[in-house]
Amino acid sequence: MTPAEITELRAQALRSIDGATRDLITAAKTVYSTPETGFNEHKTSAYVQERLQALGFVVETGIARTGMKAVLRGAQPGPTVAVIAELDSLQTPTHPGADPETGAAHACGHHAQIGALLGVATALSASELKDSLSGNVAFIITPAEEFIEIQDRLALKANGELEFLSGKQEMIRLGTFDDVDMAMMVHTSAGNGGSAFSVGGTSNAHVSHQVRYIGKSSHAGGAPDKGVNALQAAMLANTAINSMRETFRESDVVRVHGIISNGGSAVNAVPGEVLYEGRVRAKSVEAIEPIAERIIRCYRAGALAMGASVEVQTIAGYHALDQNPTMQKLFADNAELILGSDSVVIVEKHHTQGGSTDMGDLSTIMPVIHPYANAASGVGHGHDYLIEDYDRAVIAPAKIMTATVLELLGNDAQLARETLSKHKPAMSAEQYVTLQRERFSTQTYDPS
């Protein structure tokens, strides 16, 4: 294709998205109104399936319980680019959009991703655009990016309904990405300054702990000396963790946090069993390992002090995000072309704000990008996180991703092929699955 032909195809795609603006924003707001947490997104999944089928797609459903995949095939063979959106919400009961029964709320903006993905699917479904592609576009809608409700997910794992505890992790295991060569998605943010988008940077890896303290219940008033207080054991462990913080290196971007999800059964009984849920984050899986060992010593210290026993279940969490520089530049160039020269901030490769995403896991096996659209107010995961600019959250990402796909897969997919030839993945999908399995473990400590 000539530059003029590429320009015309891009213009056609942008007109198509502009014409669907109201519908795409309505789709995002519809998802917002029915928030569901990970692996439970049944209503959301059914809605997205219906929307994709209305565009003429054959949709594979039920992947990792609620995930799905639809593939648009270009006129010529070539690489496959995935456009990804996430289905799930958080548990934020005080959020204005929270479900009054479940407490689920879209306090992270995943609903906007659905609208953006549908925008890309709408534009590329036009025969002229589809016929210009040398390769395929896989629309992959993933469940359970938020690594929450761990006990419920462990029950699903025990029942054989899943093995890994996040959507992309499980979809990698199931082979959903086996025919995908590269992937992209856009997340909303409230922290990019005055720019419309930020591109680049990384995220923390993490590991989770389910820590069960077993003490001895007794009457809290009449016979407290007969009990072994499991709650105090957990609180002592948390104090030990707080005392450990001064030993963390700033360069490792360490974050250690936890909650007591079961602190006892009755105020008039010494707690005999308590569940503490902990998380350790750092800039890489390798950086986490020595820190996690120290944190596990803290769990044991609480048990030792009170004479309780403790079971520590280590759960494989996320890998750090590694964004592909070629795809990143292409996305940024298209953003500037469509929105203007001041629309994008480039973030240094190793800069992280401390959070985590399972897009990092996908980045271990293929080139990916995970830009942010500065479209929200409030604090992410907070009660006040709201999408303020749906044009920027939904329409602009749809346009930029569509333009990026057209360049990657146009001209016999020359740019996509060059990107893949330069990219050296950290591991294969099979190696990733093996490593994740090895990261699960259970340790029991009984000081008696």
Protein backbone atom coordinates (compact mmCIF):
# COMPACT_ATOMS: atom_id res chain seq x y z
CA MET A 1 0.00 0.00 0.00
CA THR A 2 1.09 3.53 -0.71
CA PRO A 3 1.22 6.15 2.08
CA ALA A 4 -1.87 7.74 0.56
CA GLU A 5 -3.77 4.45 0.73
CA ILE A 6 -2.76 3.96 4.36
CA THR A 7 -3.89 7.48 5.17
CA GLU A 8 -7.27 6.87 3.56
CA LEU A 9 -7.79 3.57 5.39
CA ARG A 10 -6.96 5.23 8.69
CA ALA A 11 -9.34 8.08 7.92
CA GLN A 12 -12.09 5.59 7.09
CA ALA A 13 -11.49 3.77 10.38
CA LEU A 14 -11.65 7.01 12.36
CA ARG A 15 -14.90 8.01 10.65
CA SER A 16 -16.38 4.63 11.50
CA ILE A 17 -15.50 5.04 15.19
CA ASP A 18 -16.77 8.61 15.22
CA GLY A 19 -20.08 7.38 13.82
CA ALA A 20 -20.34 4.79 16.59
CA THR A 21 -19.30 7.11 19.43
CA ARG A 22 -22.62 7.19 21.26
CA ASP A 23 -23.06 3.42 20.96
CA LEU A 24 -19.53 2.65 22.19
CA ILE A 25 -19.83 4.92 25.22
CA THR A 26 -23.23 3.39 25.98
CA ALA A 27 -21.58 -0.05 25.91
CA ALA A 28 -18.96 1.06 28.44
CA LYS A 29 -21.59 2.60 30.71
CA THR A 30 -23.74 -0.53 30.47
CA VAL A 31 -20.83 -2.60 31.78
CA TYR A 32 -20.26 0.01 34.50
CA SER A 33 -23.84 -0.45 35.67
CA THR A 34 -23.46 -4.21 36.24
CA PRO A 35 -20.10 -4.62 38.03
CA GLU A 36 -18.94 -8.17 38.69
CA THR A 37 -15.75 -9.47 40.27
CA GLY A 38 -13.28 -11.84 38.66
CA PHE A 39 -14.45 -15.20 37.30
CA ASN A 40 -18.02 -14.11 38.14
CA GLU A 41 -18.56 -11.73 35.20
CA HIS A 42 -21.46 -13.71 33.72
CA LYS A 43 -23.73 -10.77 32.85
CA THR A 44 -20.84 -8.72 31.50
CA SER A 45 -19.55 -11.62 29.44
CA ALA A 46 -22.97 -12.31 27.94
CA TYR A 47 -23.36 -8.64 27.03
CA VAL A 48 -19.97 -8.45 25.29
CA GLN A 49 -20.64 -11.71 23.46
CA GLU A 50 -23.92 -10.28 22.16
CA ARG A 51 -22.20 -7.11 20.97
CA LEU A 52 -19.46 -9.00 19.13
CA GLN A 53 -21.95 -11.35 17.51
CA ALA A 54 -23.93 -8.35 16.30
CA LEU A 55 -20.79 -7.30 14.42
CA GLY A 56 -20.70 -10.70 12.73
CA PHE A 57 -18.04 -12.39 14.86
CA VAL A 58 -18.01 -16.03 15.88
CA VAL A 59 -17.24 -15.87 19.59
CA GLU A 60 -15.52 -18.60 21.59
CA THR A 61 -16.91 -18.34 25.11
CA GLY A 62 -16.38 -19.94 28.50
CA ILE A 63 -12.59 -19.55 28.42
CA ALA A 64 -11.33 -19.44 32.01
CA ARG A 65 -15.01 -19.46 33.03
CA THR A 66 -16.10 -16.07 31.67
CA GLY A 67 -13.47 -15.05 29.11
CA MET A 68 -13.96 -15.05 25.35
CA LYS A 69 -12.18 -14.68 22.03
CA ALA A 70 -13.19 -13.62 18.52
CA VAL A 71 -10.84 -13.51 15.53
CA LEU A 72 -10.97 -11.20 12.51
CA ARG A 73 -9.00 -12.70 9.65
CA GLY A 74 -7.27 -10.48 7.12
CA ALA A 75 -7.15 -11.12 3.39
CA GLN A 76 -3.56 -12.37 3.53
CA PRO A 77 -1.75 -14.57 6.04
CA GLY A 78 0.46 -12.95 8.64
CA PRO A 79 0.93 -12.39 12.37
CA THR A 80 -1.95 -12.11 14.83
CA VAL A 81 -2.35 -8.99 16.96
CA ALA A 82 -4.55 -9.26 20.06
CA VAL A 83 -6.66 -6.36 21.30
CA ILE A 84 -7.52 -7.02 24.94
CA ALA A 85 -10.18 -5.79 27.36
CA GLU A 86 -10.84 -6.84 30.95
CA LEU A 87 -14.25 -7.81 32.30
CA ASP A 88 -13.95 -7.54 36.06
CA SER A 89 -14.55 -4.96 38.74
CA LEU A 90 -13.24 -4.48 42.25
CA GLN A 91 -14.83 -4.75 45.68
CA THR A 92 -15.39 -1.11 46.64
CA PRO A 93 -18.72 -0.94 48.52
CA THR A 94 -18.59 2.84 49.08
CA HIS A 95 -18.14 3.64 45.39
CA PRO A 96 -21.15 5.44 43.85
CA GLY A 97 -21.39 2.75 41.17
CA ALA A 98 -21.20 -0.17 43.59
CA ASP A 99 -23.68 -3.01 43.43
CA PRO A 100 -25.63 -2.68 46.70
CA GLU A 101 -25.73 -6.44 47.23
CA THR A 102 -22.18 -7.47 46.33
CA GLY A 103 -20.15 -4.29 46.84
CA ALA A 104 -18.61 -4.75 43.39
CA ALA A 105 -17.72 -1.52 41.56
CA HIS A 106 -15.74 -0.45 38.50
CA ALA A 107 -13.25 1.58 40.52
CA CYS A 108 -10.46 0.86 38.04
CA GLY A 109 -12.10 1.70 34.71
CA HIS A 110 -12.17 -1.73 33.08
CA HIS A 111 -15.61 -0.97 31.66
CA ALA A 112 -14.04 1.64 29.37
CA GLN A 113 -11.81 -1.05 27.86
CA ILE A 114 -14.90 -2.91 26.66
CA GLY A 115 -16.12 0.12 24.74
CA ALA A 116 -12.68 0.68 23.22
CA LEU A 117 -12.35 -2.94 22.09
CA LEU A 118 -15.78 -2.82 20.48
CA GLY A 119 -14.68 0.33 18.69
CA VAL A 120 -11.66 -1.43 17.17
CA ALA A 121 -13.85 -4.39 16.20
CA THR A 122 -16.41 -2.06 14.61
CA ALA A 123 -13.83 -0.22 12.51
CA LEU A 124 -11.84 -3.24 11.34
CA SER A 125 -14.97 -5.21 10.42
CA ALA A 126 -15.42 -3.01 7.34
CA SER A 127 -14.45 -5.06 4.30
CA GLU A 128 -11.97 -2.49 2.95
CA LEU A 129 -10.04 -2.43 6.22
CA LYS A 130 -10.19 -6.16 6.81
CA ASP A 131 -8.95 -6.82 3.26
CA SER A 132 -5.97 -4.54 3.85
CA LEU A 133 -4.60 -6.75 6.63
CA SER A 134 -1.90 -9.38 6.24
CA GLY A 135 -2.67 -11.27 9.40
CA ASN A 136 -5.40 -11.48 12.01
CA VAL A 137 -6.80 -9.50 14.90
CA ALA A 138 -7.84 -11.48 17.98
CA PHE A 139 -10.28 -9.74 20.30
CA ILE A 140 -9.63 -11.32 23.69
CA ILE A 141 -11.78 -10.38 26.66
CA THR A 142 -10.18 -11.55 29.88
CA PRO A 143 -11.69 -12.15 33.33
CA ALA A 144 -10.22 -11.58 36.77
CA GLU A 145 -7.39 -9.07 36.33
CA GLU A 146 -7.91 -7.83 39.87
CA PHE A 147 -6.18 -10.35 42.14
CA ILE A 148 -8.86 -10.44 44.84
CA GLU A 149 -11.24 -12.89 46.56
CA ILE A 150 -8.35 -15.31 46.82
CA GLN A 151 -10.13 -17.80 49.06
CA ASP A 152 -12.99 -18.12 46.58
CA ARG A 153 -10.55 -18.64 43.71
CA LEU A 154 -8.64 -21.25 45.66
CA ALA A 155 -11.94 -23.10 46.05
CA LEU A 156 -12.37 -23.01 42.26
CA LYS A 157 -8.82 -24.31 41.93
CA ALA A 158 -9.53 -27.12 44.40
CA ASN A 159 -12.63 -28.06 42.38
CA GLY A 160 -10.58 -28.23 39.17
CA GLU A 161 -12.42 -25.26 37.60
CA LEU A 162 -9.19 -23.31 37.16
CA GLU A 163 -5.52 -23.62 38.03
CA PHE A 164 -4.17 -20.07 38.08
CA LEU A 165 -5.94 -17.27 39.88
CA SER A 166 -6.10 -14.53 37.23
CA GLY A 167 -7.65 -14.35 33.78
CA LYS A 168 -4.61 -13.91 31.56
CA GLN A 169 -2.59 -16.42 33.58
CA GLU A 170 -5.29 -19.02 33.10
CA MET A 171 -5.79 -18.17 29.43
CA ILE A 172 -2.06 -18.60 28.79
CA ARG A 173 -2.29 -22.03 30.41
CA LEU A 174 -5.34 -22.95 28.34
CA GLY A 175 -3.64 -21.99 25.07
CA THR A 176 -5.83 -18.97 24.27
CA PHE A 177 -2.75 -16.99 23.27
CA ASP A 178 -0.98 -19.80 21.41
CA ASP A 179 -1.91 -18.33 18.02
CA VAL A 180 -1.30 -14.72 19.09
CA ASP A 181 1.99 -12.96 18.29
CA MET A 182 1.59 -9.58 20.04
CA ALA A 183 -0.99 -7.81 22.16
CA MET A 184 -2.21 -4.39 23.26
CA MET A 185 -4.76 -2.80 25.53
CA VAL A 186 -5.39 0.66 27.02
CA HIS A 187 -6.15 1.25 30.71
CA THR A 188 -7.65 4.40 32.17
CA SER A 189 -5.78 6.53 34.69
CA ALA A 190 -6.11 9.70 36.73
CA GLY A 191 -2.38 10.28 36.99
CA ASN A 192 -0.90 11.33 33.65
CA GLY A 193 -0.81 15.08 34.20
CA GLY A 194 -2.14 17.17 31.35
CA SER A 195 -1.50 14.65 28.59
CA ALA A 196 -4.21 12.48 27.10
CA PHE A 197 -2.06 9.33 27.22
CA SER A 198 1.06 7.95 28.82
CA VAL A 199 3.03 5.20 27.15
CA GLY A 200 5.80 3.11 28.65
CA GLY A 201 6.97 2.24 32.12
CA THR A 202 6.53 -1.01 33.97
CA SER A 203 4.61 -2.55 36.86
CA ASN A 204 5.51 -4.56 39.92
CA ALA A 205 5.48 -8.31 40.14
CA HIS A 206 3.75 -9.82 43.15
CA VAL A 207 3.11 -12.92 45.20
CA SER A 208 0.21 -13.55 47.58
CA HIS A 209 0.03 -15.37 50.91
CA GLN A 210 -2.94 -17.01 52.58
CA VAL A 211 -1.84 -17.25 56.21
CA ARG A 212 -3.99 -19.34 58.52
CA TYR A 213 -3.30 -19.13 62.26
CA ILE A 214 -4.62 -21.99 64.38
CA GLY A 215 -4.86 -21.31 68.10
CA LYS A 216 -7.31 -22.57 70.71
CA SER A 217 -10.73 -21.12 71.41
CA SER A 218 -11.92 -20.50 74.94
CA HIS A 219 -14.21 -18.19 76.92
CA ALA A 220 -12.74 -14.69 76.53
CA GLY A 221 -14.01 -13.60 79.97
CA GLY A 222 -14.15 -16.78 82.03
CA ALA A 223 -11.09 -18.69 80.83
CA PRO A 224 -8.85 -16.61 78.58
CA ASP A 225 -5.81 -18.42 79.98
CA LYS A 226 -7.11 -21.66 78.48
CA GLY A 227 -7.04 -20.27 74.96
CA VAL A 228 -4.38 -19.55 72.35
CA ASN A 229 -5.28 -16.30 70.60
CA ALA A 230 -4.84 -16.69 66.84
CA LEU A 231 -5.79 -13.05 66.24
CA GLN A 232 -2.98 -11.81 68.46
CA ALA A 233 -0.59 -14.07 66.57
CA ALA A 234 -1.62 -12.41 63.30
CA MET A 235 -1.33 -8.92 64.82
CA LEU A 236 2.14 -9.67 66.15
CA ALA A 237 3.13 -10.89 62.69
CA ASN A 238 1.84 -7.66 61.17
CA THR A 239 3.89 -5.67 63.70
CA ALA A 240 6.96 -7.68 62.74
CA ILE A 241 6.29 -6.95 59.06
CA ASN A 242 6.06 -3.23 59.81
CA SER A 243 9.38 -3.44 61.67
CA MET A 244 10.90 -5.07 58.59
CA ARG A 245 10.03 -2.20 56.23
CA GLU A 246 13.22 -0.23 56.88
CA THR A 247 15.20 -3.11 55.36
CA PHE A 248 13.50 -2.87 51.93
CA ARG A 249 15.58 -1.30 49.18
CA GLU A 250 13.91 1.62 47.45
CA SER A 251 15.29 0.46 44.11
CA ASP A 252 13.22 -2.75 44.40
CA VAL A 253 9.95 -0.73 44.64
CA VAL A 254 8.75 -3.00 47.45
CA ARG A 255 5.14 -2.91 48.63
CA VAL A 256 3.98 -5.23 51.43
CA HIS A 257 0.35 -5.11 52.55
CA GLY A 258 -2.36 -7.35 53.91
CA ILE A 259 -5.76 -7.70 55.53
CA ILE A 260 -7.30 -9.91 58.17
CA SER A 261 -10.18 -11.47 56.28
CA ASN A 262 -11.34 -13.63 59.20
CA GLY A 263 -10.50 -12.32 62.64
CA GLY A 264 -12.55 -14.69 64.80
CA SER A 265 -16.11 -15.84 65.22
CA ALA A 266 -17.39 -14.04 68.35
CA VAL A 267 -16.18 -11.24 70.60
CA ASN A 268 -16.70 -13.35 73.74
CA ALA A 269 -14.49 -16.19 72.51
CA VAL A 270 -10.72 -16.23 72.17
CA PRO A 271 -10.18 -16.48 68.38
CA GLY A 272 -9.09 -20.01 67.58
CA GLU A 273 -8.62 -19.53 63.84
CA VAL A 274 -7.72 -16.41 61.87
CA LEU A 275 -6.99 -15.84 58.18
CA TYR A 276 -4.52 -13.15 57.14
CA GLU A 277 -4.14 -12.34 53.44
CA GLY A 278 -0.80 -10.81 52.52
CA ARG A 279 0.82 -9.56 49.36
CA VAL A 280 4.45 -8.81 48.50
CA ARG A 281 5.24 -6.67 45.45
CA ALA A 282 8.58 -5.73 43.93
CA LYS A 283 10.08 -4.89 40.57
CA SER A 284 10.60 -8.53 39.57
CA VAL A 285 9.83 -12.07 40.65
CA GLU A 286 13.51 -12.45 41.53
CA ALA A 287 13.44 -9.37 43.75
CA ILE A 288 10.38 -10.68 45.57
CA GLU A 289 11.91 -13.98 46.67
CA PRO A 290 14.25 -12.80 49.49
CA ILE A 291 11.65 -10.32 50.72
CA ALA A 292 8.94 -13.00 50.82
CA GLU A 293 11.24 -15.22 52.88
CA ARG A 294 11.59 -12.47 55.49
CA ILE A 295 7.84 -11.87 55.52
CA ILE A 296 7.20 -15.58 56.08
CA ARG A 297 9.57 -15.40 59.08
CA CYS A 298 7.31 -12.67 60.44
CA TYR A 299 4.27 -14.92 60.05
CA ARG A 300 6.09 -17.61 62.01
CA ALA A 301 7.20 -15.14 64.67
CA GLY A 302 3.60 -14.30 65.48
CA ALA A 303 2.78 -17.98 65.85
CA LEU A 304 5.83 -18.62 68.02
CA ALA A 305 5.05 -15.75 70.37
CA MET A 306 1.49 -16.95 71.03
CA GLY A 307 2.06 -20.68 70.83
CA ALA A 308 -0.19 -21.00 67.77
CA SER A 309 0.49 -22.90 64.59
CA VAL A 310 0.48 -21.25 61.18
CA GLU A 311 -0.03 -22.47 57.62
CA VAL A 312 1.38 -20.22 54.88
CA GLN A 313 0.09 -20.86 51.38
CA THR A 314 2.12 -19.06 48.72
CA ILE A 315 0.15 -18.24 45.57
CA ALA A 316 1.72 -17.40 42.23
CA GLY A 317 1.03 -13.77 41.45
CA TYR A 318 1.99 -11.48 38.57
CA HIS A 319 5.17 -10.79 36.65
CA ALA A 320 6.49 -7.30 35.95
CA LEU A 321 5.29 -5.59 32.78
CA ASP A 322 7.83 -5.36 29.93
CA GLN A 323 6.52 -3.13 27.13
CA ASN A 324 7.78 -3.49 23.58
CA PRO A 325 9.56 -0.31 22.40
CA THR A 326 8.58 -0.65 18.71
CA MET A 327 4.89 -1.07 19.47
CA GLN A 328 5.13 1.68 22.05
CA LYS A 329 6.56 4.16 19.53
CA LEU A 330 3.97 3.19 16.94
CA PHE A 331 1.14 3.76 19.42
CA ALA A 332 2.60 7.11 20.51
CA ASP A 333 3.07 8.26 16.91
CA ASN A 334 -0.54 7.41 16.10
CA ALA A 335 -1.75 9.17 19.24
CA GLU A 336 0.06 12.33 18.22
CA LEU A 337 -1.23 12.04 14.66
CA ILE A 338 -4.84 11.68 15.81
CA LEU A 339 -4.89 13.86 18.95
CA GLY A 340 -2.01 16.29 18.53
CA SER A 341 1.66 16.60 19.40
CA ASP A 342 1.16 17.22 23.13
CA SER A 343 -1.16 14.29 23.67
CA VAL A 344 1.38 11.68 24.82
CA VAL A 345 3.91 11.43 27.62
CA ILE A 346 6.63 8.79 27.23
CA VAL A 347 7.43 7.11 30.55
CA GLU A 348 10.90 5.72 31.16
CA LYS A 349 11.13 1.98 30.67
CA HIS A 350 11.91 1.08 34.30
CA HIS A 351 9.59 3.57 35.99
CA THR A 352 6.86 1.96 38.09
CA GLN A 353 4.19 3.38 40.37
CA GLY A 354 4.02 0.13 42.32
CA GLY A 355 0.85 -1.56 41.04
CA SER A 356 0.62 -4.88 39.22
CA THR A 357 -1.18 -6.35 36.20
CA ASP A 358 -1.38 -9.78 34.59
CA MET A 359 -0.54 -8.05 31.32
CA GLY A 360 2.94 -8.42 32.78
CA ASP A 361 2.55 -12.18 32.61
CA LEU A 362 1.61 -11.95 28.95
CA SER A 363 4.66 -9.74 28.33
CA THR A 364 6.94 -12.60 29.38
CA ILE A 365 5.95 -14.59 26.29
CA MET A 366 5.22 -11.96 23.59
CA PRO A 367 5.57 -8.24 22.79
CA VAL A 368 2.84 -6.13 24.42
CA ILE A 369 1.93 -2.55 25.23
CA HIS A 370 -0.29 -1.27 28.02
CA PRO A 371 -0.74 2.52 27.63
CA TYR A 372 -2.88 4.65 29.95
CA ALA A 373 -5.61 7.13 29.01
CA ASN A 374 -5.82 10.05 31.43
CA ALA A 375 -9.60 10.09 31.62
CA ALA A 376 -10.51 9.64 35.29
CA SER A 377 -10.64 11.54 38.55
CA GLY A 378 -10.03 10.26 42.05
CA VAL A 379 -7.66 7.51 43.15
CA GLY A 380 -7.48 4.13 41.45
CA HIS A 381 -9.27 1.40 43.43
CA GLY A 382 -10.80 4.12 45.58
CA HIS A 383 -14.40 5.14 46.23
CA ASP A 384 -13.89 8.31 44.17
CA TYR A 385 -12.38 6.82 40.99
CA LEU A 386 -14.69 7.89 38.15
CA ILE A 387 -14.34 8.17 34.38
CA GLU A 388 -14.84 11.87 33.64
CA ASP A 389 -14.01 11.89 29.91
CA TYR A 390 -15.51 8.96 28.01
CA ASP A 391 -14.26 10.29 24.68
CA ARG A 392 -10.73 9.98 26.01
CA ALA A 393 -11.38 6.69 27.85
CA VAL A 394 -13.20 4.87 25.04
CA ILE A 395 -13.14 6.64 21.67
CA ALA A 396 -9.52 7.84 21.57
CA PRO A 397 -8.08 4.42 22.56
CA ALA A 398 -10.27 2.73 19.95
CA LYS A 399 -8.94 5.07 17.27
CA ILE A 400 -5.29 4.78 18.26
CA MET A 401 -5.36 1.00 18.61
CA THR A 402 -7.12 0.65 15.25
CA ALA A 403 -4.53 2.86 13.55
CA THR A 404 -1.73 0.90 15.23
CA VAL A 405 -3.16 -2.43 14.01
CA LEU A 406 -3.50 -1.06 10.48
CA GLU A 407 0.18 -0.11 10.44
CA LEU A 408 1.34 -3.36 12.01
CA LEU A 409 -0.57 -5.57 9.58
CA GLY A 410 -0.56 -3.39 6.48
CA ASN A 411 2.06 -3.67 3.71
CA ASP A 412 2.33 -7.43 4.13
CA ALA A 413 2.64 -6.92 7.92
CA GLN A 414 6.18 -5.63 7.47
CA LEU A 415 6.17 -3.69 10.77
CA ALA A 416 4.71 -6.61 12.72
CA ARG A 417 7.25 -9.02 11.24
CA GLU A 418 10.15 -6.67 12.02
CA THR A 419 8.89 -6.23 15.58
CA LEU A 420 8.70 -9.97 16.11
CA SER A 421 12.13 -10.59 14.58
CA LYS A 422 13.71 -8.17 17.08
CA HIS A 423 11.77 -9.31 20.13
CA LYS A 424 13.29 -11.91 22.46
CA PRO A 425 10.65 -13.24 24.87
CA ALA A 426 11.74 -14.03 28.40
CA MET A 427 10.26 -17.51 28.12
CA SER A 428 7.87 -19.69 26.14
CA ALA A 429 4.27 -20.23 27.20
CA GLU A 430 5.18 -23.72 28.36
CA GLN A 431 8.06 -22.39 30.46
CA TYR A 432 5.77 -19.73 31.93
CA VAL A 433 3.20 -22.31 33.00
CA THR A 434 5.90 -24.47 34.58
CA LEU A 435 7.34 -21.51 36.49
CA GLN A 436 3.93 -20.43 37.77
CA ARG A 437 3.20 -23.91 39.05
CA GLU A 438 6.50 -23.92 40.92
CA ARG A 439 5.60 -20.65 42.65
CA PHE A 440 2.73 -22.35 44.54
CA SER A 441 3.71 -23.87 47.90
CA THR A 442 2.38 -24.51 51.39
CA GLN A 443 4.43 -24.39 54.61
CA THR A 444 3.26 -25.31 58.11
CA TYR A 445 4.93 -24.14 61.31
CA ASP A 446 4.01 -25.46 64.77
CA PRO A 447 6.22 -24.15 67.58
CA SER A 448 5.00 -26.85 69.96
